[in-house]
Amino acid sequence: MAGLKDIKLRIRSVRNIQQITRAMKMVAAARIRKAEDQLKAARPYSAKLKEVVVELTSQIDEVLHPLMDTRPLKTVGVLVVTSDKGLCGAYNNNLLKMLWSDLATRWKGVPRKVMVVGSKGYRYLGRRQVPYDHLETNWKPSFELATELSRVLTDWFVSGTVDEVVCYYTQAVSAMVQFPASERILPLTSEEKVGSKFAYEFEPSAEVALNILVPRYLTNILFRILMEAKVSELGARLKAMTNATENADKLANELTLQFYRIRQETITREILEISGGAEALSAS
């Protein structure tokens, strides 16, 4: 009977875990809908801002904004965006493996400054003794955080501390499909031409407007990256908790069948023992 007791305890434990994973799945599903709505709402502004910046640079013979200054690479700035919490499958591992591979190959021997968003990235780099220069934890995607990151990266770039900034984050194709990506965010470029429906006139001048809009453009890029990363994290967590809930249900069902099979065998054995004893008594 000890075997039956152990199986009952395992079934109870699996069902308890299933309740937790189901609750986390429901929370992730609710949050990802909100995050996706925010990302979709931000895209028209982002597209229009990019269109205006491209139009501005096309009207200026020589773009002199410091954030658009392309120079030889001597020091690279690395921004990595990870989650603060786990239970999101391979979300962090896939991104950090990509980062580590680039640090060992693409940026090998290149001096660097590292900015980390998220506890998982901080712990990963700490275990590998990679120093960081700026850390943000317990984060949520917001313009306030994007503005702070933009301020620090602008200081690094304009002062010449770094000559290029590359961001590592997870890009969301959809709620259930994500992939790690790297994107150069500084220096800003306007090489991609965006067709404009209107001929813009800028007052007092295109140069003044560019100086105002370029920092906002960088902040907007960072906000979009933070939103993409959060949607990807929630999507990965939703997928992981869905799989965990289904696996827990499957395991609990298998254990239940095993429990009834063992109990049936035990009852059958006891009946046979009683029958055998009764026959022995009647024969004597």
Protein backbone atom coordinates (compact mmCIF):
# COMPACT_ATOMS: atom_id res chain seq x y z
CA MET A 1 0.00 0.00 0.00
CA ALA A 2 3.00 2.29 0.42
CA GLY A 3 3.26 2.44 -3.38
CA LEU A 4 -0.33 3.66 -3.65
CA LYS A 5 0.28 6.33 -1.03
CA ASP A 6 3.35 7.60 -2.90
CA ILE A 7 1.44 7.77 -6.17
CA LYS A 8 -1.45 9.67 -4.54
CA LEU A 9 1.03 12.20 -3.16
CA ARG A 10 2.60 12.60 -6.61
CA ILE A 11 -0.81 13.10 -8.23
CA ARG A 12 -1.70 15.76 -5.65
CA SER A 13 1.66 17.49 -6.17
CA VAL A 14 1.29 17.49 -9.96
CA ARG A 15 -2.26 18.88 -9.74
CA ASN A 16 -1.08 21.66 -7.42
CA ILE A 17 1.68 22.58 -9.87
CA GLN A 18 -0.87 22.48 -12.69
CA GLN A 19 -3.04 25.01 -10.86
CA ILE A 20 -0.04 27.35 -10.52
CA THR A 21 1.00 27.04 -14.17
CA ARG A 22 -2.60 27.53 -15.32
CA ALA A 23 -2.85 30.72 -13.26
CA MET A 24 0.46 32.00 -14.67
CA LYS A 25 -0.76 31.16 -18.17
CA MET A 26 -3.92 33.22 -17.64
CA VAL A 27 -1.94 36.16 -16.25
CA ALA A 28 0.50 36.07 -19.19
CA ALA A 29 -2.39 35.89 -21.67
CA ALA A 30 -4.05 38.96 -20.14
CA ARG A 31 -0.80 40.93 -20.02
CA ILE A 32 0.29 40.07 -23.54
CA ARG A 33 -2.96 41.39 -24.99
CA LYS A 34 -2.38 44.71 -23.24
CA ALA A 35 1.29 44.83 -24.31
CA GLU A 36 0.40 44.03 -27.93
CA ASP A 37 -2.22 46.78 -27.95
CA GLN A 38 0.35 49.28 -26.64
CA LEU A 39 2.87 48.22 -29.27
CA LYS A 40 0.31 48.53 -32.07
CA ALA A 41 -0.78 51.95 -30.79
CA ALA A 42 2.83 53.19 -30.76
CA ARG A 43 3.63 52.13 -34.33
CA PRO A 44 1.85 54.98 -36.20
CA TYR A 45 3.76 57.59 -34.15
CA SER A 46 7.02 55.71 -34.71
CA ALA A 47 6.45 55.49 -38.47
CA LYS A 48 5.53 59.18 -38.76
CA LEU A 49 8.52 60.28 -36.67
CA LYS A 50 10.84 58.23 -38.87
CA GLU A 51 9.27 59.74 -41.98
CA VAL A 52 9.82 63.28 -40.69
CA VAL A 53 13.45 62.61 -39.70
CA VAL A 54 14.20 61.14 -43.13
CA GLU A 55 12.54 64.14 -44.77
CA LEU A 56 14.61 66.49 -42.61
CA THR A 57 17.91 64.85 -43.48
CA SER A 58 17.03 64.95 -47.18
CA GLN A 59 16.65 68.75 -46.96
CA ILE A 60 20.03 69.28 -45.31
CA ASP A 61 23.16 69.06 -47.44
CA GLU A 62 25.38 67.96 -44.56
CA VAL A 63 23.83 66.41 -41.48
CA LEU A 64 25.83 67.56 -38.48
CA HIS A 65 23.84 66.12 -35.59
CA PRO A 66 26.21 64.40 -33.10
CA LEU A 67 24.05 61.25 -32.92
CA MET A 68 24.50 60.75 -36.67
CA ASP A 69 28.27 61.01 -36.61
CA THR A 70 29.81 57.90 -38.17
CA ARG A 71 33.40 57.28 -37.13
CA PRO A 72 35.92 54.39 -36.97
CA LEU A 73 35.03 51.78 -34.37
CA LYS A 74 37.35 51.83 -31.36
CA THR A 75 34.90 51.12 -28.53
CA VAL A 76 31.48 49.51 -28.79
CA GLY A 77 28.50 50.06 -26.53
CA VAL A 78 26.35 46.99 -25.90
CA LEU A 79 22.75 47.22 -24.68
CA VAL A 80 21.14 43.89 -23.74
CA VAL A 81 17.44 43.65 -22.80
CA THR A 82 16.41 40.57 -20.80
CA SER A 83 13.67 39.72 -18.32
CA ASP A 84 13.73 40.03 -14.54
CA LYS A 85 11.88 36.75 -14.01
CA GLY A 86 12.19 33.23 -15.35
CA LEU A 87 9.58 30.62 -16.29
CA CYS A 88 9.59 31.87 -19.88
CA GLY A 89 11.21 28.95 -21.66
CA ALA A 90 14.36 29.64 -23.65
CA TYR A 91 13.58 33.37 -23.97
CA ASN A 92 16.66 34.58 -22.09
CA ASN A 93 18.97 31.68 -22.97
CA ASN A 94 18.60 32.12 -26.73
CA LEU A 95 19.30 35.85 -26.54
CA LEU A 96 22.24 35.56 -24.15
CA LYS A 97 23.82 32.77 -26.21
CA MET A 98 23.68 35.10 -29.22
CA LEU A 99 25.24 37.91 -27.17
CA TRP A 100 27.98 35.66 -25.79
CA SER A 101 28.81 34.38 -29.28
CA ASP A 102 29.17 37.94 -30.59
CA LEU A 103 31.30 38.98 -27.60
CA ALA A 104 33.64 36.08 -28.38
CA THR A 105 33.78 36.68 -32.15
CA ARG A 106 32.30 39.92 -33.50
CA TRP A 107 33.51 42.08 -30.59
CA LYS A 108 36.57 40.03 -29.65
CA GLY A 109 39.37 42.36 -28.60
CA VAL A 110 37.18 45.46 -28.96
CA PRO A 111 36.86 47.59 -25.80
CA ARG A 112 33.23 47.83 -24.73
CA LYS A 113 30.78 49.41 -22.34
CA VAL A 114 27.79 47.30 -21.36
CA MET A 115 24.29 48.39 -20.38
CA VAL A 116 22.02 45.68 -18.98
CA VAL A 117 18.24 45.79 -18.68
CA GLY A 118 16.83 42.89 -16.65
CA SER A 119 18.14 40.73 -13.81
CA LYS A 120 18.66 37.66 -16.00
CA GLY A 121 21.20 39.42 -18.20
CA TYR A 122 22.96 40.88 -15.17
CA ARG A 123 23.32 37.46 -13.53
CA TYR A 124 24.40 35.78 -16.76
CA LEU A 125 27.18 38.29 -17.41
CA GLY A 126 28.15 38.29 -13.73
CA ARG A 127 28.73 34.52 -13.79
CA ARG A 128 31.03 35.04 -16.78
CA GLN A 129 32.81 37.97 -15.14
CA VAL A 130 31.73 40.48 -17.79
CA PRO A 131 31.57 43.92 -16.13
CA TYR A 132 28.62 46.22 -16.79
CA ASP A 133 28.47 50.02 -16.72
CA HIS A 134 24.74 50.61 -16.30
CA LEU A 135 21.98 48.38 -14.90
CA GLU A 136 18.18 48.61 -14.92
CA THR A 137 16.13 45.97 -13.08
CA ASN A 138 12.45 45.53 -12.16
CA TRP A 139 11.68 47.29 -15.40
CA LYS A 140 8.52 47.88 -17.40
CA PRO A 141 8.40 49.37 -20.90
CA SER A 142 7.84 53.10 -20.53
CA PHE A 143 8.95 56.36 -22.10
CA GLU A 144 10.58 57.24 -18.77
CA LEU A 145 12.88 54.21 -18.97
CA ALA A 146 13.49 54.76 -22.69
CA THR A 147 14.40 58.39 -21.95
CA GLU A 148 16.86 57.35 -19.24
CA LEU A 149 18.53 54.78 -21.51
CA SER A 150 18.66 57.36 -24.29
CA ARG A 151 20.30 59.89 -21.96
CA VAL A 152 23.06 57.48 -20.90
CA LEU A 153 23.73 56.18 -24.42
CA THR A 154 23.78 59.73 -25.80
CA ASP A 155 26.36 60.73 -23.17
CA TRP A 156 28.51 57.75 -24.09
CA PHE A 157 28.29 58.40 -27.82
CA VAL A 158 28.59 62.19 -27.91
CA SER A 159 31.53 62.16 -25.49
CA GLY A 160 33.34 59.66 -27.70
CA THR A 161 33.35 56.99 -25.00
CA VAL A 162 31.78 54.62 -27.55
CA ASP A 163 31.72 54.85 -31.34
CA GLU A 164 28.78 52.55 -31.94
CA VAL A 165 25.90 51.13 -29.89
CA VAL A 166 24.38 47.73 -30.62
CA CYS A 167 21.24 46.47 -28.88
CA TYR A 168 20.47 42.80 -28.22
CA TYR A 169 16.81 42.04 -27.60
CA THR A 170 14.10 39.56 -28.57
CA GLN A 171 11.92 40.60 -31.47
CA ALA A 172 8.25 39.65 -31.50
CA VAL A 173 6.93 38.32 -34.79
CA SER A 174 3.68 37.41 -33.08
CA ALA A 175 2.47 36.53 -29.60
CA MET A 176 3.82 32.99 -29.92
CA VAL A 177 6.80 33.52 -32.26
CA GLN A 178 9.93 35.37 -31.15
CA PHE A 179 13.59 35.37 -32.13
CA PRO A 180 16.74 37.02 -30.72
CA ALA A 181 17.97 40.02 -32.69
CA SER A 182 20.78 42.56 -32.69
CA GLU A 183 20.28 46.09 -33.98
CA ARG A 184 22.67 49.01 -34.33
CA ILE A 185 20.99 52.04 -32.79
CA LEU A 186 23.89 54.52 -32.80
CA PRO A 187 24.97 56.27 -34.89
CA LEU A 188 21.50 56.99 -36.24
CA THR A 189 21.19 56.75 -40.00
CA SER A 190 18.64 58.01 -42.49
CA GLU A 191 19.70 55.76 -45.37
CA GLU A 192 16.28 54.09 -45.60
CA LYS A 193 14.01 56.28 -47.68
CA VAL A 194 10.41 56.52 -46.58
CA GLY A 195 7.99 57.86 -49.16
CA SER A 196 6.19 60.96 -47.87
CA LYS A 197 2.75 62.04 -49.07
CA PHE A 198 3.46 65.65 -48.16
CA ALA A 199 6.11 68.31 -48.78
CA TYR A 200 7.16 69.46 -45.32
CA GLU A 201 8.20 73.01 -44.45
CA PHE A 202 10.09 73.44 -41.19
CA GLU A 203 10.22 76.56 -39.04
CA PRO A 204 12.53 78.15 -38.11
CA SER A 205 14.70 75.71 -40.12
CA ALA A 206 15.24 72.05 -40.91
CA GLU A 207 18.46 72.11 -38.86
CA VAL A 208 16.70 73.32 -35.70
CA ALA A 209 13.89 70.81 -36.17
CA LEU A 210 16.42 68.01 -36.65
CA ASN A 211 18.20 68.90 -33.40
CA ILE A 212 14.88 68.65 -31.56
CA LEU A 213 13.57 65.49 -33.22
CA VAL A 214 16.68 63.29 -33.37
CA PRO A 215 16.91 62.74 -29.58
CA ARG A 216 13.19 61.92 -29.57
CA TYR A 217 13.78 59.55 -32.46
CA LEU A 218 16.41 57.66 -30.43
CA THR A 219 14.09 57.53 -27.42
CA ASN A 220 11.32 56.19 -29.64
CA ILE A 221 13.60 53.46 -31.01
CA LEU A 222 14.46 52.39 -27.47
CA PHE A 223 10.81 52.44 -26.41
CA ARG A 224 9.92 50.24 -29.37
CA ILE A 225 12.71 47.80 -28.42
CA LEU A 226 11.47 47.66 -24.81
CA MET A 227 7.93 47.00 -26.01
CA GLU A 228 9.11 44.27 -28.41
CA ALA A 229 11.11 42.63 -25.62
CA LYS A 230 8.18 42.68 -23.20
CA VAL A 231 5.74 41.24 -25.75
CA SER A 232 8.31 38.53 -26.55
CA GLU A 233 8.81 37.74 -22.87
CA LEU A 234 5.09 37.44 -22.20
CA GLY A 235 4.62 35.35 -25.35
CA ALA A 236 7.42 33.00 -24.31
CA ARG A 237 5.96 32.73 -20.81
CA LEU A 238 2.48 32.05 -22.20
CA LYS A 239 3.89 29.29 -24.40
CA ALA A 240 5.95 27.80 -21.55
CA MET A 241 3.05 27.82 -19.09
CA THR A 242 0.68 26.35 -21.70
CA ASN A 243 3.11 23.48 -22.30
CA ALA A 244 3.68 23.02 -18.57
CA THR A 245 -0.07 22.89 -17.88
CA GLU A 246 -0.65 20.35 -20.64
CA ASN A 247 2.30 18.22 -19.52
CA ALA A 248 1.11 18.31 -15.91
CA ASP A 249 -2.34 17.16 -16.99
CA LYS A 250 -0.85 14.34 -19.04
CA LEU A 251 1.41 13.23 -16.17
CA ALA A 252 -1.45 13.37 -13.65
CA ASN A 253 -3.62 11.21 -15.92
CA GLU A 254 -0.82 8.68 -16.36
CA LEU A 255 -0.26 8.54 -12.60
CA THR A 256 -4.00 8.12 -12.02
CA LEU A 257 -4.10 5.15 -14.41
CA GLN A 258 -1.05 3.70 -12.67
CA PHE A 259 -2.73 4.20 -9.29
CA TYR A 260 -5.91 2.35 -10.34
CA ARG A 261 -3.91 -0.42 -12.01
CA ILE A 262 -1.84 -1.04 -8.89
CA ARG A 263 -4.92 -0.87 -6.68
CA GLN A 264 -6.72 -3.37 -8.89
CA GLU A 265 -3.73 -5.70 -8.79
CA THR A 266 -3.57 -5.34 -5.01
CA ILE A 267 -7.27 -6.10 -4.59
CA THR A 268 -7.05 -9.08 -6.95
CA ARG A 269 -4.04 -10.43 -5.07
CA GLU A 270 -5.80 -10.07 -1.71
CA ILE A 271 -8.92 -11.83 -3.05
CA LEU A 272 -6.78 -14.70 -4.33
CA GLU A 273 -5.02 -14.94 -0.98
CA ILE A 274 -8.36 -15.02 0.86
CA SER A 275 -9.75 -17.61 -1.56
CA GLY A 276 -6.63 -19.72 -1.22
CA GLY A 277 -6.85 -19.55 2.56
CA ALA A 278 -10.52 -20.50 2.51
CA GLU A 279 -9.84 -23.49 0.27
CA ALA A 280 -7.02 -24.62 2.54
CA LEU A 281 -9.28 -24.42 5.58
CA SER A 282 -12.09 -26.35 3.86
CA ALA A 283 -9.68 -29.04 2.69
CA SER A 284 -8.42 -29.56 6.22
